[in-house]
Amino acid sequence: EGRLYGSVGVGDIVELMAEKGHEIEKKQVLLPEPIRAVGTYTVPIRLHHDVEAEISVEVVAEKDEE
């Protein structure tokens, strides 16, 4: 239905970025509220005091394995 049973939060984003080889801290992720629905989201990351970048986070439905 497009809704998540849980949510995608800052910790999840930090963990996934680390898996991709990008070490960031939780305080650098400027996610205003946890993601609770399937879709593509733009999340700002503060790299330095005056430098921000944006990443694209795609939340997809998990396929049932039968």
PDB file of N, CA and C in Angstrom:
ATOM      1  N   GLU A   1       0.808  -1.193   0.000  1.00  0.00           N
ATOM      2  CA  GLU A   1       0.000   0.000   0.000  1.00  0.00           C
ATOM      3  C   GLU A   1       0.854   1.260   0.000  1.00  0.00           C
ATOM      4  N   GLY A   2       2.181   1.092   0.022  1.00  0.00           N
ATOM      5  CA  GLY A   2       3.050   2.248  -0.013  1.00  0.00           C
ATOM      6  C   GLY A   2       3.470   2.764   1.349  1.00  0.00           C
ATOM      7  N   ARG A   3       2.939   2.189   2.414  1.00  0.00           N
ATOM      8  CA  ARG A   3       3.320   2.617   3.764  1.00  0.00           C
ATOM      9  C   ARG A   3       4.267   1.580   4.360  1.00  0.00           C
ATOM     10  N   LEU A   4       5.155   2.042   5.242  1.00  0.00           N
ATOM     11  CA  LEU A   4       6.121   1.155   5.883  1.00  0.00           C
ATOM     12  C   LEU A   4       5.590   0.682   7.229  1.00  0.00           C
ATOM     13  N   TYR A   5       6.018  -0.500   7.655  1.00  0.00           N
ATOM     14  CA  TYR A   5       5.665  -0.982   8.994  1.00  0.00           C
ATOM     15  C   TYR A   5       6.451  -0.212  10.041  1.00  0.00           C
ATOM     16  N   GLY A   6       7.636   0.250   9.677  1.00  0.00           N
ATOM     17  CA  GLY A   6       8.470   1.058  10.561  1.00  0.00           C
ATOM     18  C   GLY A   6       8.748   2.367   9.865  1.00  0.00           C
ATOM     19  N   SER A   7       9.979   2.823   9.985  1.00  0.00           N
ATOM     20  CA  SER A   7      10.362   4.046   9.294  1.00  0.00           C
ATOM     21  C   SER A   7      11.847   3.999   8.990  1.00  0.00           C
ATOM     22  N   VAL A   8      12.271   4.839   8.075  1.00  0.00           N
ATOM     23  CA  VAL A   8      13.679   4.990   7.736  1.00  0.00           C
ATOM     24  C   VAL A   8      14.148   6.264   8.418  1.00  0.00           C
ATOM     25  N   GLY A   9      15.114   6.118   9.306  1.00  0.00           N
ATOM     26  CA  GLY A   9      15.585   7.268  10.055  1.00  0.00           C
ATOM     27  C   GLY A   9      17.036   7.603   9.759  1.00  0.00           C
ATOM     28  N   VAL A  10      17.561   8.535  10.506  1.00  0.00           N
ATOM     29  CA  VAL A  10      18.933   9.003  10.331  1.00  0.00           C
ATOM     30  C   VAL A  10      19.926   7.853  10.476  1.00  0.00           C
ATOM     31  N   GLY A  11      19.733   7.000  11.473  1.00  0.00           N
ATOM     32  CA  GLY A  11      20.633   5.867  11.690  1.00  0.00           C
ATOM     33  C   GLY A  11      20.687   4.936  10.498  1.00  0.00           C
ATOM     34  N   ASP A  12      19.541   4.693   9.878  1.00  0.00           N
ATOM     35  CA  ASP A  12      19.487   3.829   8.695  1.00  0.00           C
ATOM     36  C   ASP A  12      20.275   4.443   7.544  1.00  0.00           C
ATOM     37  N   ILE A  13      20.145   5.748   7.366  1.00  0.00           N
ATOM     38  CA  ILE A  13      20.844   6.437   6.282  1.00  0.00           C
ATOM     39  C   ILE A  13      22.352   6.406   6.519  1.00  0.00           C
ATOM     40  N   VAL A  14      22.786   6.647   7.759  1.00  0.00           N
ATOM     41  CA  VAL A  14      24.216   6.604   8.092  1.00  0.00           C
ATOM     42  C   VAL A  14      24.773   5.207   7.817  1.00  0.00           C
ATOM     43  N   GLU A  15      24.043   4.184   8.205  1.00  0.00           N
ATOM     44  CA  GLU A  15      24.474   2.798   8.003  1.00  0.00           C
ATOM     45  C   GLU A  15      24.594   2.458   6.513  1.00  0.00           C
ATOM     46  N   LEU A  16      23.613   2.844   5.737  1.00  0.00           N
ATOM     47  CA  LEU A  16      23.647   2.553   4.298  1.00  0.00           C
ATOM     48  C   LEU A  16      24.747   3.335   3.586  1.00  0.00           C
ATOM     49  N   MET A  17      24.987   4.563   4.019  1.00  0.00           N
ATOM     50  CA  MET A  17      26.081   5.351   3.438  1.00  0.00           C
ATOM     51  C   MET A  17      27.431   4.686   3.748  1.00  0.00           C
ATOM     52  N   ALA A  18      27.591   4.156   4.960  1.00  0.00           N
ATOM     53  CA  ALA A  18      28.831   3.466   5.346  1.00  0.00           C
ATOM     54  C   ALA A  18      29.044   2.227   4.481  1.00  0.00           C
ATOM     55  N   GLU A  19      27.961   1.505   4.172  1.00  0.00           N
ATOM     56  CA  GLU A  19      28.056   0.337   3.297  1.00  0.00           C
ATOM     57  C   GLU A  19      28.549   0.721   1.902  1.00  0.00           C
ATOM     58  N   LYS A  20      28.260   1.945   1.494  1.00  0.00           N
ATOM     59  CA  LYS A  20      28.688   2.446   0.183  1.00  0.00           C
ATOM     60  C   LYS A  20      30.062   3.106   0.242  1.00  0.00           C
ATOM     61  N   GLY A  21      30.685   3.121   1.453  1.00  0.00           N
ATOM     62  CA  GLY A  21      32.022   3.675   1.594  1.00  0.00           C
ATOM     63  C   GLY A  21      32.075   5.145   1.957  1.00  0.00           C
ATOM     64  N   HIS A  22      30.957   5.701   2.423  1.00  0.00           N
ATOM     65  CA  HIS A  22      30.887   7.119   2.786  1.00  0.00           C
ATOM     66  C   HIS A  22      30.608   7.236   4.281  1.00  0.00           C
ATOM     67  N   GLU A  23      31.624   7.602   5.045  1.00  0.00           N
ATOM     68  CA  GLU A  23      31.471   7.724   6.490  1.00  0.00           C
ATOM     69  C   GLU A  23      30.932   9.110   6.847  1.00  0.00           C
ATOM     70  N   ILE A  24      29.743   9.135   7.426  1.00  0.00           N
ATOM     71  CA  ILE A  24      29.151  10.382   7.910  1.00  0.00           C
ATOM     72  C   ILE A  24      28.618  10.134   9.312  1.00  0.00           C
ATOM     73  N   GLU A  25      28.398  11.201  10.046  1.00  0.00           N
ATOM     74  CA  GLU A  25      27.851  11.105  11.390  1.00  0.00           C
ATOM     75  C   GLU A  25      26.364  11.439  11.357  1.00  0.00           C
ATOM     76  N   LYS A  26      25.647  10.939  12.345  1.00  0.00           N
ATOM     77  CA  LYS A  26      24.207  11.185  12.417  1.00  0.00           C
ATOM     78  C   LYS A  26      23.869  12.671  12.379  1.00  0.00           C
ATOM     79  N   LYS A  27      24.683  13.484  13.065  1.00  0.00           N
ATOM     80  CA  LYS A  27      24.371  14.913  13.139  1.00  0.00           C
ATOM     81  C   LYS A  27      24.517  15.612  11.791  1.00  0.00           C
ATOM     82  N   GLN A  28      25.148  14.956  10.820  1.00  0.00           N
ATOM     83  CA  GLN A  28      25.310  15.545   9.491  1.00  0.00           C
ATOM     84  C   GLN A  28      24.076  15.343   8.609  1.00  0.00           C
ATOM     85  N   VAL A  29      23.238  14.387   8.958  1.00  0.00           N
ATOM     86  CA  VAL A  29      22.047  14.078   8.159  1.00  0.00           C
ATOM     87  C   VAL A  29      20.920  15.001   8.613  1.00  0.00           C
ATOM     88  N   LEU A  30      20.434  15.821   7.713  1.00  0.00           N
ATOM     89  CA  LEU A  30      19.420  16.822   8.043  1.00  0.00           C
ATOM     90  C   LEU A  30      18.021  16.346   7.641  1.00  0.00           C
ATOM     91  N   LEU A  31      17.648  15.204   8.163  1.00  0.00           N
ATOM     92  CA  LEU A  31      16.333  14.616   7.880  1.00  0.00           C
ATOM     93  C   LEU A  31      15.337  15.179   8.889  1.00  0.00           C
ATOM     94  N   PRO A  32      14.347  15.973   8.435  1.00  0.00           N
ATOM     95  CA  PRO A  32      13.421  16.633   9.375  1.00  0.00           C
ATOM     96  C   PRO A  32      12.552  15.647  10.159  1.00  0.00           C
ATOM     97  N   GLU A  33      12.184  14.529   9.534  1.00  0.00           N
ATOM     98  CA  GLU A  33      11.378  13.510  10.208  1.00  0.00           C
ATOM     99  C   GLU A  33      11.614  12.180   9.508  1.00  0.00           C
ATOM    100  N   PRO A  34      11.407  11.065  10.215  1.00  0.00           N
ATOM    101  CA  PRO A  34      11.628   9.756   9.594  1.00  0.00           C
ATOM    102  C   PRO A  34      10.745   9.546   8.361  1.00  0.00           C
ATOM    103  N   ILE A  35      11.250   8.787   7.429  1.00  0.00           N
ATOM    104  CA  ILE A  35      10.513   8.469   6.203  1.00  0.00           C
ATOM    105  C   ILE A  35       9.594   7.295   6.501  1.00  0.00           C
ATOM    106  N   ARG A  36       8.319   7.457   6.184  1.00  0.00           N
ATOM    107  CA  ARG A  36       7.331   6.430   6.524  1.00  0.00           C
ATOM    108  C   ARG A  36       6.551   5.893   5.326  1.00  0.00           C
ATOM    109  N   ALA A  37       7.007   6.219   4.111  1.00  0.00           N
ATOM    110  CA  ALA A  37       6.286   5.745   2.930  1.00  0.00           C
ATOM    111  C   ALA A  37       7.280   5.416   1.816  1.00  0.00           C
ATOM    112  N   VAL A  38       6.886   4.528   0.942  1.00  0.00           N
ATOM    113  CA  VAL A  38       7.678   4.173  -0.228  1.00  0.00           C
ATOM    114  C   VAL A  38       7.792   5.390  -1.131  1.00  0.00           C
ATOM    115  N   GLY A  39       8.956   5.580  -1.727  1.00  0.00           N
ATOM    116  CA  GLY A  39       9.153   6.705  -2.634  1.00  0.00           C
ATOM    117  C   GLY A  39      10.604   7.123  -2.682  1.00  0.00           C
ATOM    118  N   THR A  40      10.880   8.197  -3.410  1.00  0.00           N
ATOM    119  CA  THR A  40      12.218   8.746  -3.527  1.00  0.00           C
ATOM    120  C   THR A  40      12.250  10.085  -2.806  1.00  0.00           C
ATOM    121  N   TYR A  41      13.250  10.251  -1.953  1.00  0.00           N
ATOM    122  CA  TYR A  41      13.354  11.434  -1.107  1.00  0.00           C
ATOM    123  C   TYR A  41      14.724  12.089  -1.280  1.00  0.00           C
ATOM    124  N   THR A  42      14.761  13.394  -1.221  1.00  0.00           N
ATOM    125  CA  THR A  42      16.007  14.143  -1.242  1.00  0.00           C
ATOM    126  C   THR A  42      16.340  14.496   0.206  1.00  0.00           C
ATOM    127  N   VAL A  43      17.537  14.068   0.629  1.00  0.00           N
ATOM    128  CA  VAL A  43      17.950  14.287   2.015  1.00  0.00           C
ATOM    129  C   VAL A  43      19.223  15.126   2.023  1.00  0.00           C
ATOM    130  N   PRO A  44      19.199  16.278   2.684  1.00  0.00           N
ATOM    131  CA  PRO A  44      20.405  17.102   2.772  1.00  0.00           C
ATOM    132  C   PRO A  44      21.411  16.510   3.767  1.00  0.00           C
ATOM    133  N   ILE A  45      22.687  16.607   3.417  1.00  0.00           N
ATOM    134  CA  ILE A  45      23.784  16.155   4.268  1.00  0.00           C
ATOM    135  C   ILE A  45      24.716  17.350   4.467  1.00  0.00           C
ATOM    136  N   ARG A  46      25.014  17.685   5.722  1.00  0.00           N
ATOM    137  CA  ARG A  46      25.942  18.791   5.998  1.00  0.00           C
ATOM    138  C   ARG A  46      27.358  18.214   6.031  1.00  0.00           C
ATOM    139  N   LEU A  47      28.158  18.566   5.026  1.00  0.00           N
ATOM    140  CA  LEU A  47      29.521  18.069   4.923  1.00  0.00           C
ATOM    141  C   LEU A  47      30.501  18.913   5.733  1.00  0.00           C
ATOM    142  N   HIS A  48      30.202  20.184   5.836  1.00  0.00           N
ATOM    143  CA  HIS A  48      31.043  21.141   6.546  1.00  0.00           C
ATOM    144  C   HIS A  48      30.117  22.261   7.011  1.00  0.00           C
ATOM    145  N   HIS A  49      30.610  23.133   7.838  1.00  0.00           N
ATOM    146  CA  HIS A  49      29.780  24.226   8.377  1.00  0.00           C
ATOM    147  C   HIS A  49      29.014  24.983   7.289  1.00  0.00           C
ATOM    148  N   ASP A  50      29.668  25.286   6.186  1.00  0.00           N
ATOM    149  CA  ASP A  50      29.043  26.048   5.098  1.00  0.00           C
ATOM    150  C   ASP A  50      28.752  25.218   3.852  1.00  0.00           C
ATOM    151  N   VAL A  51      28.898  23.893   3.944  1.00  0.00           N
ATOM    152  CA  VAL A  51      28.761  23.053   2.752  1.00  0.00           C
ATOM    153  C   VAL A  51      27.713  21.971   2.995  1.00  0.00           C
ATOM    154  N   GLU A  52      26.692  21.974   2.141  1.00  0.00           N
ATOM    155  CA  GLU A  52      25.671  20.929   2.184  1.00  0.00           C
ATOM    156  C   GLU A  52      25.581  20.264   0.828  1.00  0.00           C
ATOM    157  N   ALA A  53      25.294  18.968   0.862  1.00  0.00           N
ATOM    158  CA  ALA A  53      25.050  18.195  -0.357  1.00  0.00           C
ATOM    159  C   ALA A  53      23.700  17.517  -0.178  1.00  0.00           C
ATOM    160  N   GLU A  54      23.161  17.019  -1.257  1.00  0.00           N
ATOM    161  CA  GLU A  54      21.901  16.293  -1.186  1.00  0.00           C
ATOM    162  C   GLU A  54      22.106  14.892  -1.719  1.00  0.00           C
ATOM    163  N   ILE A  55      21.492  13.928  -1.045  1.00  0.00           N
ATOM    164  CA  ILE A  55      21.498  12.560  -1.547  1.00  0.00           C
ATOM    165  C   ILE A  55      20.057  12.167  -1.851  1.00  0.00           C
ATOM    166  N   SER A  56      19.918  11.229  -2.728  1.00  0.00           N
ATOM    167  CA  SER A  56      18.605  10.708  -3.071  1.00  0.00           C
ATOM    168  C   SER A  56      18.442   9.363  -2.369  1.00  0.00           C
ATOM    169  N   VAL A  57      17.381   9.229  -1.593  1.00  0.00           N
ATOM    170  CA  VAL A  57      17.097   7.992  -0.869  1.00  0.00           C
ATOM    171  C   VAL A  57      15.840   7.384  -1.475  1.00  0.00           C
ATOM    172  N   GLU A  58      15.982   6.185  -1.983  1.00  0.00           N
ATOM    173  CA  GLU A  58      14.842   5.502  -2.587  1.00  0.00           C
ATOM    174  C   GLU A  58      14.384   4.386  -1.660  1.00  0.00           C
ATOM    175  N   VAL A  59      13.149   4.478  -1.195  1.00  0.00           N
ATOM    176  CA  VAL A  59      12.559   3.462  -0.338  1.00  0.00           C
ATOM    177  C   VAL A  59      11.636   2.625  -1.206  1.00  0.00           C
ATOM    178  N   VAL A  60      11.920   1.334  -1.273  1.00  0.00           N
ATOM    179  CA  VAL A  60      11.143   0.437  -2.127  1.00  0.00           C
ATOM    180  C   VAL A  60      10.487  -0.646  -1.295  1.00  0.00           C
ATOM    181  N   ALA A  61       9.432  -1.215  -1.821  1.00  0.00           N
ATOM    182  CA  ALA A  61       8.732  -2.303  -1.146  1.00  0.00           C
ATOM    183  C   ALA A  61       9.574  -3.560  -1.228  1.00  0.00           C
ATOM    184  N   GLU A  62       9.586  -4.296  -0.136  1.00  0.00           N
ATOM    185  CA  GLU A  62      10.304  -5.563  -0.100  1.00  0.00           C
ATOM    186  C   GLU A  62       9.426  -6.615  -0.764  1.00  0.00           C
ATOM    187  N   LYS A  63      10.054  -7.394  -1.649  1.00  0.00           N
ATOM    188  CA  LYS A  63       9.289  -8.437  -2.344  1.00  0.00           C
ATOM    189  C   LYS A  63       9.212  -9.686  -1.464  1.00  0.00           C
ATOM    190  N   ASP A  64       8.027 -10.294  -1.411  1.00  0.00           N
ATOM    191  CA  ASP A  64       7.848 -11.525  -0.660  1.00  0.00           C
ATOM    192  C   ASP A  64       8.537 -12.666  -1.385  1.00  0.00           C
ATOM    193  N   GLU A  65       9.299 -13.458  -0.642  1.00  0.00           N
ATOM    194  CA  GLU A  65       9.966 -14.613  -1.232  1.00  0.00           C
ATOM    195  C   GLU A  65       9.118 -15.842  -0.930  1.00  0.00           C
ATOM    196  N   GLU A  66       8.593 -16.440  -1.968  1.00  0.00           N
ATOM    197  CA  GLU A  66       7.729 -17.620  -1.784  1.00  0.00           C
ATOM    198  C   GLU A  66       8.296 -18.784  -2.519  1.00  0.00           C
TER     199      GLU A  66
END
